[in-house]
Amino acid sequence: MNLGFNTKARAIFVDTDSPVTLLEGKVNIILSPSLYWVKRVSLPVKYLRDVKPLIPSLFEEQLPEGKYSYSAYKDGDDFLIFAYNDKEILDLIASKEISSANINNIYLAQSEFKDLEAPVRISDNSILSVQEGVVVKLPALLAPEAPLLDLSKHHFSKQTVHLTRFNQIADKRSQIVFASILGFLIVMFATEWLITSSKVTNIIEKQSAVFSEHHLQSTSFQNEAIQAKLNAVFERQTRIRDIFNLALTIKLKDDEQMQQIVLEKNKIVIAIKTPSEARGQKSLSKLKKRFKRTTARFDNGTYIMEITL
């Protein structure tokens, strides 16, 4: 029985009962329903990316022991979810003497035969049929007159699957190509490493020259500590300047008078003569709004504000 056809990429149906077929050229593989598990589920999610993390739990306790991969796609208002054992499929493909170098894509029977109107025979003992929207493998006795599956005019869907251990069936030619690419990458990264190492050495030499010229400390840690100290001094001086500039430009009422602006150790003290505490607060409100950490008091006709540096 020949389930393929001679074109640029031959379509091959793979099942446990499929015969060994000696092939040349590219092939597209369609996996039998006996090689994967499928469920139709309705979930309160909109996007496929929200479904994929849920698939393992939806198959929980229903799969034989093994390591599985999962996939899904939307089908109407529902999602079709799949589980398959990569190693078992890869071992089966290898047993059919199909070279991995010749495989274009791998598909599931569900996506390729979902619109099947009548059963088709895939071997002397089995048929494919669609039951409630799911493609299933059934005994041939249920449809003894079913025609043989013909893939000569098959149009593939976009629903491919990826087998994560594809390298298990890599042939010698693929291994040689892979080794060549790996060797090229090793040479490329080694060259890049040598160039980078040379650049780093040059930078270190220039850094030493700069340290010597400007009498800097010998380590970056010491220089960073000095820089942090100078930054703190700069920020303090900038705050002092800004406070004085704003205090000296405040417009007081005719019955108010600036009495003092004094820089003490960790604060600036501003005092104005004013008729009331409320008037004093209003006159110096710009200072309080702009500069945090302020305290104020009213004492015998003088409103005094202290701004912490």
Protein backbone atom coordinates (compact mmCIF):
# COMPACT_ATOMS: atom_id res chain seq x y z
CA MET A 1 0.00 0.00 0.00
CA ASN A 2 1.46 3.39 -1.01
CA LEU A 3 0.14 6.29 1.02
CA GLY A 4 2.41 8.90 -0.56
CA PHE A 5 2.83 10.55 -3.93
CA ASN A 6 5.66 11.80 -6.12
CA THR A 7 5.87 15.59 -5.85
CA LYS A 8 8.34 18.06 -4.50
CA ALA A 9 7.28 17.16 -0.92
CA ARG A 10 5.52 13.82 -0.60
CA ALA A 11 2.71 13.43 1.97
CA ILE A 12 3.16 10.39 4.24
CA PHE A 13 0.63 9.02 6.73
CA VAL A 14 2.43 7.42 9.69
CA ASP A 15 0.73 4.88 11.92
CA THR A 16 1.97 1.91 13.94
CA ASP A 17 0.56 -0.33 11.17
CA SER A 18 2.14 1.65 8.31
CA PRO A 19 4.63 -0.36 6.25
CA VAL A 20 8.28 0.61 5.90
CA THR A 21 8.53 2.77 2.78
CA LEU A 22 11.88 3.54 1.18
CA LEU A 23 11.66 7.20 0.17
CA GLU A 24 13.82 9.81 -1.46
CA GLY A 25 13.23 13.55 -1.34
CA LYS A 26 11.25 15.75 1.02
CA VAL A 27 8.17 14.54 2.90
CA ASN A 28 5.38 15.97 5.04
CA ILE A 29 4.29 13.58 7.77
CA ILE A 30 0.72 13.21 9.05
CA LEU A 31 0.52 11.42 12.40
CA SER A 32 -2.22 8.89 13.03
CA PRO A 33 -4.70 9.51 15.90
CA SER A 34 -3.14 6.49 17.60
CA LEU A 35 0.01 8.59 18.17
CA TYR A 36 -1.54 11.42 20.18
CA TRP A 37 -4.34 12.25 22.62
CA VAL A 38 -6.92 14.92 21.80
CA LYS A 39 -9.66 16.74 23.70
CA ARG A 40 -12.20 19.35 22.71
CA VAL A 41 -12.59 21.84 25.56
CA SER A 42 -14.56 25.00 26.17
CA LEU A 43 -12.64 27.44 28.36
CA PRO A 44 -13.39 30.96 29.63
CA VAL A 45 -10.32 32.37 27.89
CA LYS A 46 -9.95 34.23 24.62
CA TYR A 47 -6.38 33.69 23.48
CA LEU A 48 -4.38 30.57 22.70
CA ARG A 49 -1.52 31.79 24.89
CA ASP A 50 -3.86 31.54 27.90
CA VAL A 51 -4.81 27.95 27.03
CA LYS A 52 -1.35 26.39 26.66
CA PRO A 53 -0.35 26.62 30.36
CA LEU A 54 -3.58 24.79 31.28
CA ILE A 55 -3.17 21.79 28.95
CA PRO A 56 -1.11 19.51 31.27
CA SER A 57 -3.72 19.79 34.03
CA LEU A 58 -6.55 19.09 31.56
CA PHE A 59 -4.88 15.77 30.68
CA GLU A 60 -3.94 14.99 34.29
CA GLU A 61 -4.23 11.30 35.28
CA GLN A 62 -5.41 10.33 31.77
CA LEU A 63 -2.05 9.78 30.06
CA PRO A 64 0.22 6.75 30.43
CA GLU A 65 3.48 7.37 32.22
CA GLY A 66 5.96 9.27 30.06
CA LYS A 67 7.21 12.70 29.06
CA TYR A 68 4.74 14.60 26.89
CA SER A 69 4.62 17.69 24.73
CA TYR A 70 1.44 19.70 24.27
CA SER A 71 -0.17 21.85 21.60
CA ALA A 72 -3.54 23.43 20.87
CA TYR A 73 -5.48 25.46 18.36
CA LYS A 74 -8.85 27.16 18.28
CA ASP A 75 -11.73 25.38 16.55
CA GLY A 76 -14.89 27.47 16.43
CA ASP A 77 -15.84 28.48 19.96
CA ASP A 78 -13.81 25.63 21.46
CA PHE A 79 -10.17 24.68 21.70
CA LEU A 80 -8.63 21.41 20.56
CA ILE A 81 -5.81 20.37 22.86
CA PHE A 82 -3.24 17.65 22.17
CA ALA A 83 -0.71 15.59 24.08
CA TYR A 84 1.96 13.41 22.46
CA ASN A 85 5.06 11.50 23.47
CA ASP A 86 7.93 12.85 21.38
CA LYS A 87 10.22 9.87 21.90
CA GLU A 88 7.63 7.28 20.89
CA ILE A 89 6.78 9.19 17.72
CA LEU A 90 10.42 9.77 16.81
CA ASP A 91 11.26 6.12 17.38
CA LEU A 92 8.34 5.09 15.16
CA ILE A 93 9.40 7.48 12.38
CA ALA A 94 12.94 6.15 12.60
CA SER A 95 11.64 2.57 12.38
CA LYS A 96 9.93 3.50 9.11
CA GLU A 97 13.38 4.47 7.79
CA ILE A 98 12.34 8.08 7.22
CA SER A 99 15.33 10.40 7.43
CA SER A 100 14.90 13.50 9.57
CA ALA A 101 16.81 15.48 6.94
CA ASN A 102 13.94 14.81 4.50
CA ILE A 103 11.10 15.92 6.81
CA ASN A 104 9.57 19.29 5.97
CA ASN A 105 6.77 19.42 8.55
CA ILE A 106 4.80 17.18 10.87
CA TYR A 107 1.00 17.40 11.16
CA LEU A 108 -1.72 15.70 13.20
CA ALA A 109 -4.52 13.79 11.53
CA GLN A 110 -7.02 15.97 13.42
CA SER A 111 -6.04 19.14 11.57
CA GLU A 112 -5.73 17.40 8.18
CA PHE A 113 -8.88 15.27 8.09
CA LYS A 114 -11.36 17.18 10.28
CA ASP A 115 -13.64 17.71 7.25
CA LEU A 116 -13.59 14.04 6.23
CA GLU A 117 -17.11 13.21 5.04
CA ALA A 118 -16.77 9.41 4.99
CA PRO A 119 -14.35 6.86 6.46
CA VAL A 120 -11.11 6.10 4.61
CA ARG A 121 -8.91 3.05 4.96
CA ILE A 122 -5.35 3.52 6.23
CA SER A 123 -4.41 -0.18 6.47
CA ASP A 124 -5.95 -3.58 6.08
CA ASN A 125 -7.19 -3.41 9.67
CA SER A 126 -7.95 0.27 10.30
CA ILE A 127 -9.91 3.26 9.01
CA LEU A 128 -10.05 6.98 9.78
CA SER A 129 -13.40 8.50 10.69
CA VAL A 130 -14.70 11.76 12.19
CA GLN A 131 -16.76 11.29 15.35
CA GLU A 132 -18.31 14.45 16.87
CA GLY A 133 -15.66 16.60 15.23
CA VAL A 134 -12.73 14.43 16.35
CA VAL A 135 -10.67 12.33 13.92
CA VAL A 136 -10.36 8.77 15.27
CA LYS A 137 -8.81 5.47 14.20
CA LEU A 138 -11.32 2.60 14.14
CA PRO A 139 -11.36 -1.08 13.10
CA ALA A 140 -11.82 -1.58 9.35
CA LEU A 141 -14.77 -3.94 10.03
CA LEU A 142 -16.90 -0.87 10.82
CA ALA A 143 -16.58 0.31 7.21
CA PRO A 144 -15.32 -2.57 5.06
CA GLU A 145 -16.02 -0.69 1.81
CA ALA A 146 -14.07 2.45 2.82
CA PRO A 147 -11.74 3.63 0.02
CA LEU A 148 -7.98 3.78 0.49
CA LEU A 149 -6.61 7.09 1.81
CA ASP A 150 -5.37 9.16 -1.13
CA LEU A 151 -2.97 12.02 -0.33
CA SER A 152 -2.14 12.93 -3.93
CA LYS A 153 -4.29 16.08 -3.80
CA HIS A 154 -4.09 16.83 -0.10
CA HIS A 155 -3.83 20.50 0.94
CA PHE A 156 -2.13 20.90 4.28
CA SER A 157 -3.38 23.11 7.08
CA LYS A 158 -1.18 25.55 8.99
CA GLN A 159 -1.33 23.47 12.18
CA THR A 160 2.13 21.90 12.36
CA VAL A 161 3.63 20.34 15.50
CA HIS A 162 7.19 20.44 16.75
CA LEU A 163 8.90 17.38 18.20
CA THR A 164 11.34 18.59 20.83
CA ARG A 165 13.84 15.75 20.47
CA PHE A 166 14.08 15.80 16.70
CA ASN A 167 17.83 15.19 16.90
CA GLN A 168 17.20 11.58 17.96
CA ILE A 169 16.60 10.63 14.34
CA ALA A 170 19.29 12.84 12.84
CA ASP A 171 21.20 11.06 10.12
CA LYS A 172 24.93 11.18 9.42
CA ARG A 173 24.59 13.95 6.89
CA SER A 174 22.67 16.13 9.35
CA GLN A 175 25.31 15.49 11.99
CA ILE A 176 28.08 16.58 9.60
CA VAL A 177 26.20 19.79 8.74
CA PHE A 178 25.55 20.49 12.41
CA ALA A 179 29.20 19.87 13.29
CA SER A 180 30.32 22.24 10.52
CA ILE A 181 28.02 24.99 11.76
CA LEU A 182 29.12 24.43 15.35
CA GLY A 183 32.78 24.59 14.31
CA PHE A 184 32.18 27.85 12.47
CA LEU A 185 30.45 29.34 15.51
CA ILE A 186 33.31 28.28 17.79
CA VAL A 187 35.86 29.96 15.51
CA MET A 188 33.71 33.09 15.26
CA PHE A 189 33.22 33.41 19.03
CA ALA A 190 36.90 32.68 19.70
CA THR A 191 37.88 35.48 17.32
CA GLU A 192 35.38 37.82 18.97
CA TRP A 193 36.75 36.90 22.38
CA LEU A 194 40.32 37.74 21.32
CA ILE A 195 39.22 41.11 19.90
CA THR A 196 37.22 41.91 23.05
CA SER A 197 40.11 40.86 25.30
CA SER A 198 42.44 43.19 23.40
CA LYS A 199 39.97 46.07 23.76
CA VAL A 200 39.59 45.43 27.50
CA THR A 201 43.39 45.46 27.97
CA ASN A 202 43.59 48.76 26.08
CA ILE A 203 40.85 50.30 28.21
CA ILE A 204 42.58 49.22 31.43
CA GLU A 205 45.84 50.78 30.24
CA LYS A 206 44.10 54.05 29.39
CA GLN A 207 42.31 54.00 32.75
CA SER A 208 45.65 53.68 34.58
CA ALA A 209 47.04 56.62 32.60
CA VAL A 210 44.03 58.79 33.50
CA PHE A 211 44.31 57.83 37.20
CA SER A 212 47.99 58.81 37.19
CA GLU A 213 47.47 62.09 35.32
CA HIS A 214 44.71 63.32 37.66
CA HIS A 215 46.20 61.87 40.86
CA LEU A 216 43.25 59.57 41.46
CA GLN A 217 43.15 56.68 43.89
CA SER A 218 44.36 53.27 42.74
CA THR A 219 40.98 51.50 42.92
CA SER A 220 37.57 52.25 41.47
CA PHE A 221 36.01 51.69 44.92
CA GLN A 222 38.06 54.55 46.42
CA ASN A 223 37.28 56.85 43.49
CA GLU A 224 33.59 56.05 43.69
CA ALA A 225 33.61 56.91 47.41
CA ILE A 226 35.25 60.27 46.62
CA GLN A 227 32.72 60.90 43.86
CA ALA A 228 29.81 60.10 46.20
CA LYS A 229 31.19 62.54 48.80
CA LEU A 230 31.62 65.30 46.22
CA ASN A 231 28.11 64.67 44.88
CA ALA A 232 26.69 65.07 48.39
CA VAL A 233 28.57 68.37 48.82
CA PHE A 234 27.34 69.56 45.44
CA GLU A 235 23.71 68.69 46.26
CA ARG A 236 23.97 70.52 49.62
CA GLN A 237 25.45 73.64 48.04
CA THR A 238 22.81 73.59 45.31
CA ARG A 239 20.01 73.37 47.92
CA ILE A 240 21.51 76.26 49.91
CA ARG A 241 21.74 78.41 46.79
CA ASP A 242 18.16 77.66 45.75
CA ILE A 243 16.77 78.42 49.24
CA PHE A 244 18.60 81.76 49.41
CA ASN A 245 17.52 82.72 45.88
CA LEU A 246 13.86 82.05 46.60
CA ALA A 247 13.92 83.68 50.07
CA LEU A 248 15.50 86.87 48.71
CA THR A 249 12.92 87.19 45.91
CA ILE A 250 9.84 86.80 48.14
CA LYS A 251 7.66 89.92 48.00
CA LEU A 252 6.55 90.91 51.52
CA LYS A 253 3.62 93.16 52.39
CA ASP A 254 4.22 96.80 53.33
CA ASP A 255 3.77 96.00 57.03
CA GLU A 256 6.24 93.07 56.87
CA GLN A 257 10.02 93.10 56.96
CA MET A 258 12.80 90.55 56.41
CA GLN A 259 14.82 90.34 59.60
CA GLN A 260 17.37 87.63 58.84
CA ILE A 261 18.46 84.78 56.56
CA VAL A 262 21.10 82.75 58.39
CA LEU A 263 22.97 79.59 57.36
CA GLU A 264 23.64 77.44 60.38
CA LYS A 265 25.28 73.98 60.54
CA ASN A 266 22.49 71.87 59.11
CA LYS A 267 19.75 74.37 58.44
CA ILE A 268 18.83 77.79 57.11
CA VAL A 269 16.83 80.09 59.38
CA ILE A 270 14.56 82.75 57.82
CA ALA A 271 12.81 85.29 60.05
CA ILE A 272 10.34 88.00 59.02
CA LYS A 273 8.51 90.60 61.10
CA THR A 274 4.77 90.18 60.43
CA PRO A 275 1.48 91.09 62.16
CA SER A 276 0.31 87.44 62.62
CA GLU A 277 1.28 83.81 62.25
CA ALA A 278 -1.25 83.36 59.42
CA ARG A 279 0.34 86.24 57.49
CA GLY A 280 3.80 84.79 58.04
CA GLN A 281 2.70 81.36 56.78
CA LYS A 282 1.24 82.94 53.65
CA SER A 283 4.30 85.07 52.91
CA LEU A 284 6.71 82.11 53.19
CA SER A 285 4.37 79.51 51.66
CA LYS A 286 6.48 79.20 48.49
CA LEU A 287 9.47 78.11 50.56
CA LYS A 288 7.47 75.51 52.43
CA LYS A 289 5.92 74.17 49.24
CA ARG A 290 9.20 73.83 47.37
CA PHE A 291 11.52 72.69 50.15
CA LYS A 292 10.51 69.80 52.38
CA ARG A 293 11.68 69.23 55.96
CA THR A 294 10.63 72.69 57.22
CA THR A 295 9.49 73.81 60.66
CA ALA A 296 8.03 77.18 61.68
CA ARG A 297 6.97 79.13 64.73
CA PHE A 298 5.57 82.58 65.58
CA ASP A 299 7.24 84.45 68.46
CA ASN A 300 6.39 87.99 69.56
CA GLY A 301 5.65 89.40 66.09
CA THR A 302 8.32 87.37 64.30
CA TYR A 303 7.60 84.41 62.05
CA ILE A 304 10.60 82.06 61.97
CA MET A 305 11.01 79.23 59.42
CA GLU A 306 13.80 76.66 59.59
CA ILE A 307 14.67 74.56 56.53
CA THR A 308 16.80 71.46 57.14
CA LEU A 309 19.62 70.86 54.66
